[in-house]
Protein backbone atom coordinates (compact mmCIF):
# COMPACT_ATOMS: atom_id res chain seq x y z
CA MET A 1 -30.31 5.47 -42.13
CA LYS A 2 -27.69 3.28 -43.30
CA LYS A 3 -28.44 0.08 -45.35
CA ILE A 4 -26.61 -3.12 -44.36
CA LEU A 5 -26.52 -6.27 -46.35
CA ILE A 6 -26.05 -9.60 -44.63
CA LEU A 7 -25.33 -13.13 -46.01
CA ALA A 8 -26.16 -15.55 -43.39
CA ASP A 9 -25.96 -19.18 -42.96
CA GLY A 10 -25.27 -21.44 -39.86
CA ILE A 11 -25.22 -21.43 -36.09
CA VAL A 12 -23.28 -18.35 -35.60
CA ALA A 13 -25.21 -16.27 -38.34
CA LYS A 14 -28.41 -17.22 -36.56
CA GLN A 15 -26.93 -15.98 -32.99
CA PHE A 16 -25.87 -12.80 -34.89
CA LEU A 17 -29.21 -12.04 -36.35
CA ASN A 18 -30.89 -12.86 -32.84
CA LYS A 19 -28.56 -10.34 -31.17
CA LEU A 20 -29.18 -7.83 -33.89
CA VAL A 21 -32.79 -7.70 -33.82
CA ASP A 22 -32.78 -7.28 -30.00
CA LEU A 23 -30.83 -3.80 -30.44
CA SER A 24 -33.89 -1.71 -29.66
CA SER A 25 -31.77 1.48 -30.66
CA ASN A 26 -30.81 0.03 -33.91
CA LYS A 27 -32.06 2.30 -36.64
CA ASN A 28 -30.11 0.81 -39.64
CA ARG A 29 -32.00 -0.96 -42.42
CA TYR A 30 -31.01 -4.62 -43.09
CA TYR A 31 -31.29 -6.83 -46.10
CA VAL A 32 -30.73 -10.60 -45.12
CA VAL A 33 -30.04 -13.31 -47.74
CA TYR A 34 -30.30 -16.79 -46.11
CA TYR A 35 -30.37 -20.34 -47.23
CA HIS A 36 -32.36 -21.93 -44.52
CA GLU A 37 -35.36 -20.91 -42.40
CA LYS A 38 -33.83 -22.13 -39.24
CA THR A 39 -31.03 -19.39 -39.71
CA LEU A 40 -33.67 -16.69 -39.33
CA PRO A 41 -34.51 -14.86 -35.88
CA SER A 42 -37.90 -15.42 -34.37
CA LYS A 43 -38.46 -11.71 -34.42
CA ARG A 44 -38.99 -9.86 -37.74
CA PRO A 45 -38.78 -6.28 -37.02
CA ASP A 46 -39.72 -3.64 -39.73
CA ASN A 47 -36.30 -2.60 -40.55
CA PHE A 48 -35.34 -6.02 -41.65
CA ARG A 49 -35.94 -7.51 -45.19
CA PHE A 50 -35.40 -11.22 -45.93
CA PHE A 51 -34.36 -13.02 -49.38
CA ASN A 52 -34.33 -16.71 -49.55
CA PHE A 53 -31.79 -17.68 -52.37
CA ASP A 54 -28.23 -18.86 -52.66
CA PRO A 55 -25.99 -15.77 -52.48
CA THR A 56 -23.34 -17.55 -54.43
CA SER A 57 -25.55 -17.18 -57.42
CA TYR A 58 -24.28 -14.15 -59.36
CA SER A 59 -27.47 -13.47 -61.00
CA LYS A 60 -29.56 -13.33 -57.87
CA ILE A 61 -27.10 -11.55 -55.67
CA SER A 62 -26.50 -8.79 -58.38
CA THR A 63 -30.31 -8.03 -58.27
CA VAL A 64 -29.90 -7.18 -54.51
CA LEU A 65 -26.86 -5.33 -55.00
CA GLU A 66 -28.54 -2.64 -57.19
CA GLU A 67 -29.45 -1.22 -53.69
CA GLU A 68 -26.65 1.38 -52.36
CA PHE A 69 -25.18 -0.50 -49.31
CA TYR A 70 -23.17 1.09 -46.76
CA GLN A 71 -21.54 -2.28 -45.50
CA ILE A 72 -21.88 -6.04 -46.45
CA THR A 73 -21.37 -8.57 -43.85
CA ILE A 74 -20.70 -12.44 -44.82
CA ALA A 75 -21.47 -15.06 -42.10
CA MET A 76 -21.47 -18.37 -43.96
CA SER A 77 -21.01 -21.85 -42.73
CA THR A 78 -18.63 -22.86 -45.52
CA LYS A 79 -15.29 -21.61 -47.00
CA MET A 80 -16.35 -22.17 -50.63
CA ASP A 81 -19.70 -20.36 -50.06
CA THR A 82 -17.91 -17.44 -48.21
CA GLU A 83 -15.41 -16.93 -51.15
CA GLU A 84 -17.88 -17.33 -54.06
CA SER A 85 -20.23 -14.72 -52.31
CA TYR A 86 -17.18 -12.26 -51.94
CA LYS A 87 -16.23 -12.67 -55.62
CA ASN A 88 -19.86 -12.07 -56.76
CA ILE A 89 -20.08 -8.84 -54.67
CA ARG A 90 -16.77 -7.55 -56.01
CA ARG A 91 -17.93 -8.02 -59.77
CA VAL A 92 -20.52 -5.70 -59.06
CA ASN A 93 -19.17 -3.28 -56.61
CA LYS A 94 -15.37 -2.74 -56.00
CA ASP A 95 -15.36 -0.36 -53.15
CA VAL A 96 -18.14 -1.26 -50.69
CA GLN A 97 -17.01 -2.28 -47.22
CA ILE A 98 -17.29 -5.87 -46.56
CA VAL A 99 -16.93 -7.72 -43.24
CA ILE A 100 -16.37 -11.73 -43.37
CA LEU A 101 -16.42 -13.99 -40.51
CA ASP A 102 -13.35 -16.08 -41.24
CA LYS A 103 -13.15 -19.40 -39.61
CA TRP A 104 -10.49 -20.70 -42.13
CA ASN A 105 -7.54 -17.96 -41.83
CA MET A 106 -8.40 -16.64 -45.24
CA GLN A 107 -5.82 -14.78 -47.29
CA ILE A 108 -7.33 -12.00 -49.43
CA GLU A 109 -5.73 -8.79 -50.36
CA ASP A 110 -8.39 -6.12 -50.41
CA GLU A 111 -8.29 -2.57 -48.51
CA ASP A 112 -12.04 -2.48 -48.04
CA LEU A 113 -12.19 -5.95 -46.71
CA PHE A 114 -11.92 -6.67 -42.83
CA LEU A 115 -11.47 -10.45 -42.03
CA LEU A 116 -12.85 -11.30 -38.55
CA ASN A 117 -10.87 -14.32 -37.55
CA ALA A 118 -13.27 -16.51 -35.54
CA ASN A 119 -10.33 -18.77 -34.04
CA GLU A 120 -8.50 -15.76 -32.90
CA ILE A 121 -11.35 -14.26 -31.23
CA LEU A 122 -12.35 -17.54 -29.41
CA ALA A 123 -8.76 -17.98 -28.40
CA ASN A 124 -8.79 -14.47 -26.80
CA ARG A 125 -11.89 -14.91 -24.89
CA LEU A 126 -10.65 -18.29 -23.47
CA ILE A 127 -7.46 -16.20 -22.49
CA ASP A 128 -9.81 -13.67 -20.82
CA TYR A 129 -11.11 -16.23 -18.34
CA LEU A 130 -7.62 -17.40 -17.14
CA PRO A 131 -6.48 -16.14 -13.75
CA ASP A 132 -3.92 -13.47 -13.38
CA ILE A 133 -4.33 -12.50 -17.09
CA PRO A 134 -5.48 -8.78 -18.04
CA ILE A 135 -8.43 -8.28 -20.15
CA ILE A 136 -7.49 -5.91 -23.05
CA ALA A 137 -10.36 -4.07 -25.03
CA GLN A 138 -10.37 -5.52 -28.45
CA ASN A 139 -12.80 -3.16 -30.11
CA ILE A 140 -12.62 -0.07 -28.08
CA GLY A 141 -10.43 2.86 -29.04
CA LEU A 142 -7.23 1.81 -30.85
CA GLY A 143 -7.66 -2.02 -29.71
CA ILE A 144 -3.96 -2.04 -28.89
CA GLY A 145 -4.18 -2.57 -25.04
CA GLU A 146 -4.85 1.03 -24.00
CA VAL A 147 -7.93 -0.10 -22.17
CA MET A 148 -7.39 -2.92 -19.74
CA GLU A 149 -9.70 -4.64 -17.06
CA LEU A 150 -8.23 -6.49 -14.06
CA LYS A 151 -9.03 -7.81 -10.64
CA VAL A 152 -7.32 -6.34 -7.61
CA PRO A 153 -6.17 -9.49 -5.62
CA PHE A 154 -6.44 -9.57 -1.72
CA GLY A 155 -2.65 -9.23 -1.24
CA SER A 156 -2.29 -6.32 -3.72
CA ALA A 157 -0.10 -3.33 -2.99
CA TYR A 158 -3.06 -1.26 -4.22
CA VAL A 159 -5.55 -2.65 -1.66
CA TYR A 160 -7.29 -0.16 0.42
CA ARG A 161 -5.47 2.62 -1.00
CA HIS A 162 -7.16 5.92 -1.95
CA VAL A 163 -7.39 6.49 -5.49
CA GLY A 164 -5.90 9.91 -5.18
CA SER A 165 -2.81 8.58 -3.44
CA ILE A 166 -1.84 6.53 -6.55
CA GLU A 167 0.54 8.41 -8.78
CA GLN A 168 -0.90 8.12 -12.39
CA LYS A 169 1.51 9.11 -15.01
CA HIS A 170 0.36 8.26 -18.54
CA TRP A 171 -2.62 6.25 -17.14
CA ARG A 172 -5.72 6.55 -15.29
CA ILE A 173 -8.14 4.52 -13.12
CA ALA A 174 -11.19 5.06 -15.12
CA ALA A 175 -13.98 2.80 -13.31
CA ILE A 176 -14.16 0.16 -10.47
CA TYR A 177 -16.78 -2.52 -10.42
CA ARG A 178 -17.67 -3.73 -6.95
CA LYS A 179 -20.20 -6.46 -6.31
CA GLY A 180 -21.91 -5.64 -9.69
CA ARG A 181 -22.17 -1.94 -9.14
CA LEU A 182 -20.28 0.70 -11.22
CA ILE A 183 -18.20 3.25 -9.35
CA LEU A 184 -16.81 6.23 -10.90
CA PRO A 185 -13.71 6.88 -8.92
CA THR A 186 -12.92 10.22 -7.16
CA PRO A 187 -9.50 10.94 -5.22
CA GLU A 188 -11.33 9.68 -1.99
CA THR A 189 -12.40 6.26 -3.37
CA MET A 190 -10.64 3.35 -1.75
CA ILE A 191 -9.66 0.37 -3.58
CA ARG A 192 -10.81 -2.95 -2.05
CA PRO A 193 -9.88 -6.59 -2.52
CA ASN A 194 -11.40 -8.27 -5.63
CA ASP A 195 -12.62 -4.98 -6.99
CA LEU A 196 -12.56 -4.97 -10.90
CA ILE A 197 -11.00 -1.94 -12.07
CA VAL A 198 -10.66 -0.39 -15.62
CA ILE A 199 -7.61 1.45 -16.39
CA ILE A 200 -6.63 3.51 -19.43
CA GLY A 201 -3.38 4.73 -20.64
CA GLU A 202 -0.22 3.89 -22.73
CA PRO A 203 -0.21 0.21 -23.48
CA SER A 204 3.33 -0.31 -22.40
CA VAL A 205 2.68 1.74 -19.08
CA LEU A 206 -0.50 -0.48 -18.46
CA LYS A 207 1.54 -3.57 -18.72
CA SER A 208 3.81 -2.31 -16.00
CA ILE A 209 0.87 -1.18 -13.73
CA TYR A 210 -0.73 -4.66 -14.28
CA LYS A 211 2.45 -6.38 -12.74
CA SER A 212 2.42 -4.01 -9.99
CA ILE A 213 -1.17 -4.28 -8.95
CA LYS A 214 -0.95 -8.19 -9.16
CA ARG A 215 2.30 -8.15 -7.23
CA GLU A 216 1.58 -9.43 -3.68
CA LEU A 217 3.48 -8.69 -0.41
CA GLY A 218 6.53 -10.79 0.65
CA GLN A 219 8.61 -9.98 -2.39
CA PHE A 220 10.78 -7.06 -1.02
CA PRO A 221 13.41 -6.02 -2.25
CA MET A 222 11.42 -6.32 -5.41
CA PRO A 223 10.13 -4.38 -7.26
CA PHE A 224 13.35 -2.33 -6.95
CA GLY A 225 15.49 -5.32 -7.77
CA ASN A 226 16.41 -8.71 -6.54
CA ASN A 227 19.79 -8.36 -4.81
CA ILE A 228 21.02 -6.45 -1.67
CA TYR A 229 24.23 -4.13 -2.09
CA LEU A 230 26.55 -3.56 0.89
CA LEU A 231 29.02 -0.81 0.80
CA ILE A 232 32.27 -1.00 2.90
CA ASP A 233 35.10 1.59 3.18
CA MET A 234 37.83 -0.28 4.86
CA LEU A 235 39.73 3.05 5.00
CA GLU A 236 36.95 4.63 7.17
CA MET A 237 35.78 1.93 9.13
CA SER A 238 37.05 0.02 12.14
CA ASP A 239 36.90 -3.73 12.32
CA SER A 240 33.99 -3.73 14.65
CA GLU A 241 31.94 -1.47 12.41
CA MET A 242 32.63 -3.71 9.50
CA ASP A 243 31.65 -6.83 11.44
CA ARG A 244 28.35 -5.41 12.58
CA LEU A 245 27.60 -4.04 9.23
CA ILE A 246 28.25 -7.48 7.46
CA ASN A 247 26.45 -9.48 10.27
CA ASP A 248 23.13 -7.42 9.90
CA ALA A 249 23.49 -7.43 6.02
CA MET A 250 23.45 -11.19 6.18
CA LEU A 251 20.65 -11.25 8.60
CA PHE A 252 18.58 -8.92 6.70
CA HIS A 253 19.48 -11.12 3.40
CA SER A 254 18.40 -14.33 5.01
CA LYS A 255 14.89 -12.95 6.10
CA LEU A 256 14.18 -10.95 2.96
CA LYS A 257 13.27 -12.26 -0.25
CA SER A 258 16.73 -11.15 -1.97
CA LYS A 259 18.68 -13.51 -4.26
CA LYS A 260 22.14 -12.54 -3.41
CA LEU A 261 23.95 -10.27 -1.15
CA ILE A 262 26.75 -8.22 -3.19
CA ILE A 263 29.39 -6.70 -0.67
CA ARG A 264 31.38 -3.99 -2.45
CA VAL A 265 34.66 -3.13 -0.57
CA ILE A 266 36.42 0.30 -1.46
CA ASN A 267 39.87 1.23 -0.19
CA PRO A 268 40.70 -2.27 0.71
CA THR A 269 43.50 -2.94 3.40
CA TYR A 270 45.38 -6.40 3.53
CA ASN A 271 44.62 -7.50 7.20
CA LYS A 272 42.81 -10.28 8.92
CA MET A 273 39.42 -8.47 8.22
CA TYR A 274 40.39 -8.53 4.55
CA ASP A 275 40.73 -12.29 4.60
CA LYS A 276 37.73 -12.40 6.79
CA ILE A 277 35.53 -10.56 4.31
CA LYS A 278 36.89 -12.54 1.38
CA SER A 279 35.98 -15.86 3.25
CA TYR A 280 32.21 -14.86 2.95
CA ARG A 281 32.04 -15.60 -0.62
CA SER A 282 29.60 -18.22 -1.39
CA SER A 283 26.94 -19.13 -3.92
CA HIS A 284 24.49 -16.52 -2.72
CA ILE A 285 27.23 -13.98 -1.37
CA GLU A 286 29.46 -12.14 -3.81
CA VAL A 287 32.29 -10.18 -2.69
CA PHE A 288 34.18 -7.55 -4.67
CA PHE A 289 37.22 -5.59 -3.80
CA GLU A 290 37.93 -2.33 -5.84
CA TYR A 291 41.57 -1.56 -5.85
CA LYS A 292 41.80 1.33 -8.37
CA ASP A 293 41.37 4.95 -7.14
CA LEU A 294 37.97 5.31 -8.75
CA GLU A 295 35.16 8.02 -8.26
CA ILE A 296 32.90 6.17 -5.72
CA LYS A 297 29.70 7.69 -6.99
CA ASP A 298 30.40 6.18 -10.44
CA LEU A 299 31.43 2.91 -9.13
CA VAL A 300 28.12 2.56 -7.20
CA LYS A 301 26.08 3.56 -9.91
CA LYS A 302 27.71 1.09 -12.01
CA ASP A 303 27.17 -1.76 -9.54
CA CYS A 304 23.41 -0.68 -9.05
CA GLN A 305 22.58 -0.71 -12.72
CA HIS A 306 24.33 -3.89 -13.63
CA SER A 307 23.72 -6.19 -10.50
CA ASP A 308 19.90 -5.71 -10.19
CA ILE A 309 20.13 -3.98 -6.74
CA GLY A 310 16.79 -3.57 -4.93
CA LEU A 311 18.28 -2.42 -1.42
CA ILE A 312 21.52 -0.59 -0.30
CA ILE A 313 22.85 -1.25 3.15
CA VAL A 314 25.25 1.30 4.76
CA ASN A 315 26.24 2.86 8.01
CA ASN A 316 25.49 6.31 9.25
CA LYS A 317 29.03 7.80 7.99
CA VAL A 318 28.30 6.48 4.33
CA LEU A 319 24.98 7.80 4.33
CA GLU A 320 25.92 10.96 5.18
CA ASN A 321 28.94 11.20 2.75
CA TYR A 322 26.86 9.88 -0.28
CA LYS A 323 23.13 10.71 0.60
CA ARG A 324 22.74 12.77 -2.54
CA LEU A 325 24.06 9.99 -4.70
CA PHE A 326 21.53 7.38 -2.93
CA TYR A 327 18.65 9.92 -3.48
CA THR A 328 19.39 9.99 -6.95
CA LEU A 329 19.34 6.07 -7.48
CA LYS A 330 15.78 5.99 -6.47
CA LEU A 331 16.42 2.68 -4.38
CA PRO A 332 15.71 2.06 -0.74
CA VAL A 333 18.63 2.71 1.56
CA LEU A 334 19.00 0.74 4.99
CA LYS A 335 21.25 2.68 7.50
CA ILE A 336 22.07 0.33 10.42
CA GLY A 337 21.82 1.48 13.88
CA LEU A 338 24.10 1.27 16.86
CA SER A 339 22.61 -1.91 18.77
CA SER A 340 22.04 -4.95 16.55
CA PHE A 341 19.26 -6.42 14.42
CA HIS A 342 18.09 -8.98 17.00
CA LYS A 343 17.19 -5.98 19.42
CA ILE A 344 14.90 -4.43 16.75
CA LYS A 345 11.31 -4.63 18.62
CA GLU A 346 9.01 -2.86 16.09
CA GLY A 347 8.79 -0.85 13.02
CA VAL A 348 7.98 2.99 13.48
CA ILE A 349 6.49 5.64 11.30
CA ILE A 350 6.27 9.52 11.69
CA THR A 351 5.31 11.57 8.80
CA ASP A 352 3.65 14.76 7.83
CA MET A 353 3.14 13.82 4.26
CA PRO A 354 0.19 11.21 4.52
CA LYS A 355 -0.51 11.07 0.68
CA ILE A 356 3.24 10.05 -0.07
CA LEU A 357 3.20 7.69 2.77
CA GLU A 358 0.35 5.72 1.49
CA ASN A 359 2.06 5.67 -1.92
CA VAL A 360 4.62 3.39 -0.06
CA SER A 361 2.50 1.58 2.40
CA SER A 362 2.67 -1.73 0.70
CA ILE A 363 6.48 -1.66 0.54
CA ILE A 364 6.27 -1.08 4.42
CA PHE A 365 4.15 -3.83 5.24
CA ASP A 366 6.02 -6.07 2.82
CA VAL A 367 9.15 -5.46 5.13
CA LEU A 368 7.35 -5.71 8.38
CA THR A 369 5.95 -8.96 7.14
CA GLN A 370 9.14 -10.60 6.27
CA LEU A 371 11.04 -9.54 9.32
CA GLY A 372 8.13 -10.25 11.72
CA LEU A 373 7.60 -7.04 13.23
CA ASP A 374 4.65 -5.07 14.47
CA LEU A 375 4.22 -1.45 13.75
CA ILE A 376 3.76 1.78 15.74
CA PHE A 377 2.28 4.70 13.95
CA TYR A 378 2.85 8.03 15.57
CA ASP A 379 -0.05 10.40 14.77
CA PHE A 380 1.72 13.73 15.54
CA ASP A 381 -1.25 16.18 15.18
CA PRO A 382 -0.73 19.20 17.54
CA ASP A 383 -3.70 20.92 15.93
CA ASN A 384 -6.38 18.29 16.01
CA SER A 385 -6.74 18.72 12.33
CA GLY A 386 -7.37 14.87 11.59
CA LYS A 387 -5.00 15.26 8.67
CA ASN A 388 -3.85 11.54 9.12
CA ARG A 389 -7.51 10.12 9.45
CA ASN A 390 -7.56 8.51 5.96
CA LEU A 391 -4.01 7.27 6.48
CA ILE A 392 -4.48 5.51 9.69
CA GLU A 393 -7.61 3.97 8.19
CA HIS A 394 -5.49 2.85 5.29
CA PHE A 395 -2.78 1.18 7.54
CA GLU A 396 -5.40 -0.39 9.82
CA ASN A 397 -7.00 -2.04 6.87
CA LEU A 398 -3.70 -3.41 5.60
CA SER A 399 -2.94 -4.63 9.18
CA GLN A 400 -5.93 -6.87 9.26
CA ILE A 401 -5.25 -8.22 5.54
CA PHE A 402 -1.71 -9.11 6.67
CA LYS A 403 -2.22 -9.95 10.11
CA GLN A 404 0.27 -7.46 11.45
CA ASN A 405 -0.24 -5.71 14.88
CA ILE A 406 -0.31 -1.88 14.39
CA LYS A 407 -0.47 0.51 17.47
CA ILE A 408 -1.59 4.25 16.77
CA LYS A 409 -0.06 6.68 19.17
CA THR A 410 -1.75 10.13 18.88
CA SER A 411 0.60 12.75 20.36
CA LYS A 412 0.54 16.58 20.41
CA THR A 413 4.27 16.53 21.37
CA ASN A 414 7.12 15.65 18.69
CA PRO A 415 7.53 11.92 18.90
CA VAL A 416 11.10 12.28 17.64
CA ARG A 417 12.22 13.47 21.34
CA GLU A 418 10.65 9.91 22.53
CA LEU A 419 12.55 8.05 19.93
CA LYS A 420 15.85 9.82 20.33
CA SER A 421 16.47 7.98 23.40
CA ARG A 422 15.95 4.43 21.91
CA ASN A 423 17.70 2.51 19.15
CA ASP A 424 15.82 -0.62 19.07
CA TYR A 425 13.33 -0.04 16.49
CA LEU A 426 13.38 0.28 12.60
CA GLN A 427 11.91 3.67 11.37
CA PHE A 428 10.52 4.07 7.87
CA VAL A 429 11.61 7.53 6.45
CA LEU A 430 10.60 9.08 3.22
CA PHE A 431 13.71 9.80 1.11
CA THR A 432 13.01 13.45 0.48
CA GLU A 433 15.17 16.26 -0.99
CA ASP A 434 14.76 17.85 2.58
CA ILE A 435 17.07 14.83 3.78
CA ILE A 436 19.66 15.79 1.37
CA GLU A 437 20.00 19.31 2.75
CA ALA A 438 19.55 18.15 6.34
CA ASP A 439 22.37 19.10 8.72
CA ILE A 440 23.15 20.06 12.33
CA PHE A 441 20.49 23.04 12.06
CA SER A 442 17.98 20.48 11.16
CA ILE A 443 16.78 20.32 14.74
CA PHE A 444 14.93 23.36 14.33
CA SER A 445 13.03 22.20 11.28
CA LYS A 446 9.31 21.37 11.53
CA LYS A 447 9.35 18.82 8.88
CA MET A 448 9.03 15.31 10.40
CA ASP A 449 11.14 13.53 7.77
CA GLU A 450 14.03 16.02 8.20
CA LEU A 451 13.94 15.63 12.12
CA SER A 452 13.82 11.87 11.65
CA TYR A 453 16.97 12.02 9.89
CA MET A 454 18.57 13.29 13.13
CA LEU A 455 17.93 9.88 14.93
CA LYS A 456 21.32 8.49 13.88
CA ASP A 457 21.45 5.76 16.35
CA ALA A 458 18.46 3.97 15.09
CA TYR A 459 17.85 1.55 12.20
CA GLN A 460 16.28 3.48 9.48
CA LEU A 461 14.78 2.36 6.00
CA PHE A 462 14.79 5.35 3.66
CA LEU A 463 12.24 4.77 0.91
CA PRO A 464 12.20 6.67 -2.48
CA ILE A 465 9.08 8.53 -2.95
CA ASP A 466 9.19 8.78 -6.90
CA LEU A 467 7.31 5.57 -7.26
CA ALA A 468 5.25 4.58 -10.57
């Protein structure tokens, strides 16, 4: 049983003592020195002893200090009484741990003294009640932000996702509070709107996760970047190919929440098309011609790193030539099709990796919402295993939230055969390593995303799967 000395005076001291006596599990022994009867709690437990005298009196406090205390707490109403009481204690005991309720920003050098700044505590609590501000545990663990509480907004990218589908590197979802009930999450637990979640991890990582959870749809190409990057090779493309690329890029730029369209032209040729491309320069379209014989991979990497690129637009030939480079950049790549943007009727999903697809589902709905497209989800399940059941539930929930129509097409035959005859859709494809290795023999593959790569006539958005 530890002995604790408390010097108490004022409203805060009264509240403190009332809370202290209500702690039924409290086995410490308390000695309370007070000025006024009104400071005392209504209950007087057996483990409390009370002394009514002025704690600034050295002769009186020194008598009480004959006891060996584990800790002394000073919660006084005036700065003078606090300072004098502290000095009296240190005259008797140089090493005992002292905690002072500090309302005056006191400056005292003492290794065994903890100044509890009342103004800072109140300010922190006021901030906690502001919307869209994470609550960081102050007195748990290290108290540096490794424990955070936040509410999941209705339009969050994390809504209706299973905890197991969320990649948690250097952080974890430790608890979920829903309608006043504590839920200890399992991989199958689904996050719902207005859930209060407790996350733990590296403070710098949690700040990033907080922004990710709070980010609502309608922001793509964020969080990858703010700008769209169009790569044109004048030596390899015909005038009609360049026209189609630029027109589609400008349409996507006008519909997506991108800040700028950046057109990078390599191997420029001086002709009418050169002048036409140059004329597109404006406040929101930048055009750069590269005249030097540089390594294309190095040029694209540099552009993406320094121009805040969030989406790359290419044609099929450029994608084929540089798909390994695009894979390493970890950015979405839009490959335009042979029709035109205006002929796109819907978004399409086929996959055999449901967990990874759920991880990028918020990006898919973000794009669909901005482009105004409905979604067809091909549930290819020849074995009737139900492997996509949770994923379909997740997408149906998201479709209701964002008022996006979704059609589930269950099929035992490979849907790639059906889609091969069409080019009026935007397909969402997971940018896996299998796509890098894909070639003409991929038609014999059993992997959906590798097979999808063979749909070269369609519009396809390749999504990086290595997301935080």
